[in-house]
Amino acid sequence: MTISLPEEILDALANSGRDLSRAALEALALEAYLQRRLTTAQLSHLLGYETPMQADAFLKDHGVELEYSIEDLERDRETHRRLGL
């Protein structure tokens, strides 16, 4: 995907020192997550994270309060049982 920006906007954003491609990807992923179009697992995969905790940290850094239901707990317990943890 290519995004065209006016030169002055590009210069202003580039001066922040951030990788603009990564910043755009993160903004897109965060917005999709907030609109419930991506699951946490999909968000994690899209951003290249290796653990769920990295996705949780990303969301926390962006002010998103995590929802953890009883179903999530049971799913995690089952995963731990299967992995012998």
N, C-alpha and C. Protein backbone atom coordinates (compact mmCIF):
# COMPACT_ATOMS: atom_id res chain seq x y z
N MET A 1 0.85 -1.16 0.00
CA MET A 1 0.00 0.00 0.00
C MET A 1 0.91 1.23 0.00
N THR A 2 0.51 2.23 -0.71
CA THR A 2 1.26 3.47 -0.79
C THR A 2 0.36 4.62 -0.34
N ILE A 3 0.92 5.48 0.48
CA ILE A 3 0.20 6.67 0.93
C ILE A 3 0.97 7.89 0.44
N SER A 4 0.28 8.76 -0.29
CA SER A 4 0.90 9.99 -0.78
C SER A 4 0.62 11.12 0.20
N LEU A 5 1.67 11.82 0.61
CA LEU A 5 1.53 12.93 1.53
C LEU A 5 2.17 14.17 0.93
N PRO A 6 1.61 15.34 1.22
CA PRO A 6 2.26 16.57 0.78
C PRO A 6 3.66 16.65 1.42
N GLU A 7 4.59 17.24 0.71
CA GLU A 7 5.99 17.28 1.15
C GLU A 7 6.16 17.89 2.54
N GLU A 8 5.42 18.98 2.82
CA GLU A 8 5.58 19.62 4.13
C GLU A 8 5.06 18.74 5.27
N ILE A 9 4.04 17.95 5.00
CA ILE A 9 3.52 17.02 6.01
C ILE A 9 4.52 15.88 6.20
N LEU A 10 5.03 15.38 5.12
CA LEU A 10 6.03 14.31 5.18
C LEU A 10 7.25 14.76 5.98
N ASP A 11 7.72 15.98 5.70
CA ASP A 11 8.88 16.51 6.43
C ASP A 11 8.59 16.63 7.92
N ALA A 12 7.41 17.14 8.26
CA ALA A 12 7.05 17.31 9.66
C ALA A 12 6.98 15.96 10.38
N LEU A 13 6.40 14.97 9.72
CA LEU A 13 6.29 13.64 10.33
C LEU A 13 7.65 12.94 10.40
N ALA A 14 8.46 13.11 9.38
CA ALA A 14 9.76 12.45 9.35
C ALA A 14 10.69 13.00 10.42
N ASN A 15 10.52 14.27 10.79
CA ASN A 15 11.36 14.89 11.80
C ASN A 15 11.13 14.33 13.20
N SER A 16 10.08 13.55 13.37
CA SER A 16 9.80 12.96 14.69
C SER A 16 10.76 11.83 15.01
N GLY A 17 11.48 11.36 13.99
CA GLY A 17 12.43 10.28 14.21
C GLY A 17 11.82 8.90 14.14
N ARG A 18 10.53 8.81 13.97
CA ARG A 18 9.86 7.50 13.88
C ARG A 18 9.87 6.98 12.46
N ASP A 19 9.85 5.68 12.33
CA ASP A 19 9.70 5.03 11.04
C ASP A 19 8.25 5.24 10.61
N LEU A 20 8.04 6.02 9.56
CA LEU A 20 6.68 6.37 9.16
C LEU A 20 5.87 5.17 8.71
N SER A 21 6.50 4.21 8.06
CA SER A 21 5.77 3.01 7.64
C SER A 21 5.26 2.25 8.85
N ARG A 22 6.10 2.12 9.87
CA ARG A 22 5.70 1.41 11.09
C ARG A 22 4.61 2.19 11.82
N ALA A 23 4.77 3.51 11.90
CA ALA A 23 3.77 4.33 12.57
C ALA A 23 2.41 4.21 11.89
N ALA A 24 2.40 4.20 10.56
CA ALA A 24 1.14 4.07 9.82
C ALA A 24 0.52 2.69 10.05
N LEU A 25 1.35 1.65 10.05
CA LEU A 25 0.85 0.29 10.29
C LEU A 25 0.25 0.19 11.68
N GLU A 26 0.95 0.73 12.68
CA GLU A 26 0.44 0.68 14.05
C GLU A 26 -0.87 1.45 14.18
N ALA A 27 -0.96 2.61 13.54
CA ALA A 27 -2.19 3.41 13.61
C ALA A 27 -3.35 2.67 12.96
N LEU A 28 -3.10 2.04 11.83
CA LEU A 28 -4.13 1.27 11.14
C LEU A 28 -4.57 0.07 11.99
N ALA A 29 -3.61 -0.64 12.55
CA ALA A 29 -3.91 -1.81 13.38
C ALA A 29 -4.69 -1.41 14.63
N LEU A 30 -4.27 -0.33 15.27
CA LEU A 30 -4.95 0.12 16.48
C LEU A 30 -6.39 0.52 16.18
N GLU A 31 -6.59 1.27 15.12
CA GLU A 31 -7.95 1.70 14.77
C GLU A 31 -8.83 0.50 14.44
N ALA A 32 -8.30 -0.46 13.71
CA ALA A 32 -9.08 -1.67 13.38
C ALA A 32 -9.42 -2.45 14.64
N TYR A 33 -8.48 -2.53 15.58
CA TYR A 33 -8.74 -3.22 16.84
C TYR A 33 -9.83 -2.51 17.63
N LEU A 34 -9.74 -1.18 17.70
CA LEU A 34 -10.73 -0.41 18.45
C LEU A 34 -12.13 -0.53 17.85
N GLN A 35 -12.19 -0.72 16.54
CA GLN A 35 -13.48 -0.90 15.87
C GLN A 35 -13.92 -2.37 15.86
N ARG A 36 -13.15 -3.20 16.57
CA ARG A 36 -13.43 -4.64 16.69
C ARG A 36 -13.42 -5.38 15.35
N ARG A 37 -12.58 -4.88 14.44
CA ARG A 37 -12.41 -5.58 13.16
C ARG A 37 -11.22 -6.51 13.22
N LEU A 38 -10.37 -6.36 14.23
CA LEU A 38 -9.23 -7.26 14.47
C LEU A 38 -9.31 -7.79 15.88
N THR A 39 -8.97 -9.06 16.03
CA THR A 39 -8.83 -9.63 17.36
C THR A 39 -7.44 -9.29 17.89
N THR A 40 -7.20 -9.56 19.15
CA THR A 40 -5.87 -9.33 19.71
C THR A 40 -4.85 -10.21 19.01
N ALA A 41 -5.23 -11.43 18.70
CA ALA A 41 -4.31 -12.34 17.99
C ALA A 41 -3.98 -11.79 16.60
N GLN A 42 -4.97 -11.28 15.89
CA GLN A 42 -4.73 -10.71 14.57
C GLN A 42 -3.86 -9.46 14.66
N LEU A 43 -4.12 -8.64 15.66
CA LEU A 43 -3.32 -7.44 15.89
C LEU A 43 -1.86 -7.84 16.13
N SER A 44 -1.67 -8.83 16.97
CA SER A 44 -0.33 -9.32 17.29
C SER A 44 0.38 -9.82 16.05
N HIS A 45 -0.31 -10.58 15.24
CA HIS A 45 0.27 -11.11 14.00
C HIS A 45 0.62 -9.99 13.03
N LEU A 46 -0.30 -9.05 12.86
CA LEU A 46 -0.09 -7.94 11.94
C LEU A 46 1.13 -7.11 12.33
N LEU A 47 1.33 -6.92 13.63
CA LEU A 47 2.44 -6.10 14.10
C LEU A 47 3.73 -6.90 14.30
N GLY A 48 3.66 -8.21 14.04
CA GLY A 48 4.86 -9.03 14.10
C GLY A 48 5.31 -9.40 15.50
N TYR A 49 4.38 -9.38 16.45
CA TYR A 49 4.73 -9.73 17.82
C TYR A 49 4.79 -11.24 17.98
N GLU A 50 5.66 -11.70 18.86
CA GLU A 50 5.83 -13.13 19.10
C GLU A 50 5.04 -13.62 20.29
N THR A 51 4.64 -12.72 21.19
CA THR A 51 3.89 -13.13 22.38
C THR A 51 2.66 -12.25 22.55
N PRO A 52 1.63 -12.79 23.19
CA PRO A 52 0.44 -11.99 23.47
C PRO A 52 0.75 -10.79 24.37
N MET A 53 1.74 -10.92 25.22
CA MET A 53 2.08 -9.83 26.12
C MET A 53 2.57 -8.60 25.36
N GLN A 54 3.21 -8.81 24.22
CA GLN A 54 3.66 -7.67 23.41
C GLN A 54 2.46 -6.89 22.87
N ALA A 55 1.44 -7.61 22.43
CA ALA A 55 0.22 -6.94 21.94
C ALA A 55 -0.47 -6.21 23.09
N ASP A 56 -0.52 -6.85 24.26
CA ASP A 56 -1.11 -6.21 25.42
C ASP A 56 -0.37 -4.92 25.78
N ALA A 57 0.97 -4.97 25.73
CA ALA A 57 1.78 -3.78 26.04
C ALA A 57 1.53 -2.68 25.02
N PHE A 58 1.42 -3.05 23.74
CA PHE A 58 1.12 -2.07 22.68
C PHE A 58 -0.21 -1.38 22.97
N LEU A 59 -1.22 -2.17 23.29
CA LEU A 59 -2.54 -1.61 23.57
C LEU A 59 -2.51 -0.72 24.80
N LYS A 60 -1.83 -1.16 25.84
CA LYS A 60 -1.72 -0.38 27.07
C LYS A 60 -1.01 0.95 26.79
N ASP A 61 0.07 0.89 25.99
CA ASP A 61 0.80 2.11 25.64
C ASP A 61 -0.07 3.11 24.89
N HIS A 62 -1.12 2.61 24.25
CA HIS A 62 -2.02 3.48 23.50
C HIS A 62 -3.33 3.75 24.25
N GLY A 63 -3.32 3.49 25.56
CA GLY A 63 -4.45 3.84 26.40
C GLY A 63 -5.66 2.95 26.28
N VAL A 64 -5.48 1.74 25.73
CA VAL A 64 -6.60 0.82 25.57
C VAL A 64 -6.67 -0.08 26.80
N GLU A 65 -7.83 -0.06 27.46
CA GLU A 65 -8.02 -0.94 28.60
C GLU A 65 -8.39 -2.32 28.08
N LEU A 66 -7.67 -3.30 28.57
CA LEU A 66 -7.87 -4.66 28.10
C LEU A 66 -9.08 -5.29 28.77
N GLU A 67 -9.84 -6.01 27.97
CA GLU A 67 -10.98 -6.75 28.49
C GLU A 67 -10.57 -8.21 28.56
N TYR A 68 -10.75 -8.82 29.72
CA TYR A 68 -10.37 -10.21 29.90
C TYR A 68 -11.55 -10.91 30.55
N SER A 69 -12.23 -11.72 29.76
CA SER A 69 -13.46 -12.35 30.22
C SER A 69 -13.18 -13.71 30.85
N ILE A 70 -14.21 -14.26 31.44
CA ILE A 70 -14.13 -15.62 31.99
C ILE A 70 -13.81 -16.60 30.87
N GLU A 71 -14.37 -16.38 29.69
CA GLU A 71 -14.09 -17.25 28.55
C GLU A 71 -12.61 -17.18 28.17
N ASP A 72 -12.03 -15.97 28.22
CA ASP A 72 -10.61 -15.82 27.95
C ASP A 72 -9.79 -16.60 28.97
N LEU A 73 -10.17 -16.51 30.24
CA LEU A 73 -9.46 -17.24 31.30
C LEU A 73 -9.53 -18.75 31.06
N GLU A 74 -10.70 -19.24 30.75
CA GLU A 74 -10.86 -20.68 30.50
C GLU A 74 -10.04 -21.13 29.29
N ARG A 75 -10.03 -20.32 28.24
CA ARG A 75 -9.23 -20.64 27.05
C ARG A 75 -7.75 -20.68 27.41
N ASP A 76 -7.30 -19.72 28.21
CA ASP A 76 -5.90 -19.70 28.63
C ASP A 76 -5.57 -20.89 29.52
N ARG A 77 -6.47 -21.25 30.40
CA ARG A 77 -6.25 -22.43 31.26
C ARG A 77 -6.12 -23.69 30.41
N GLU A 78 -7.00 -23.83 29.43
CA GLU A 78 -6.93 -25.00 28.55
C GLU A 78 -5.62 -25.02 27.78
N THR A 79 -5.18 -23.90 27.29
CA THR A 79 -3.90 -23.82 26.59
C THR A 79 -2.77 -24.24 27.51
N HIS A 80 -2.78 -23.75 28.74
CA HIS A 80 -1.74 -24.13 29.71
C HIS A 80 -1.77 -25.63 29.99
N ARG A 81 -2.95 -26.20 30.10
CA ARG A 81 -3.06 -27.65 30.33
C ARG A 81 -2.45 -28.44 29.16
N ARG A 82 -2.80 -28.00 27.94
CA ARG A 82 -2.28 -28.69 26.76
C ARG A 82 -0.76 -28.58 26.65
N LEU A 83 -0.23 -27.45 27.08
CA LEU A 83 1.21 -27.24 27.01
C LEU A 83 1.95 -27.81 28.21
N GLY A 84 1.19 -28.30 29.19
CA GLY A 84 1.81 -28.88 30.38
C GLY A 84 2.43 -27.84 31.30
N LEU A 85 1.84 -26.66 31.31
CA LEU A 85 2.37 -25.57 32.16
C LEU A 85 1.70 -25.55 33.50
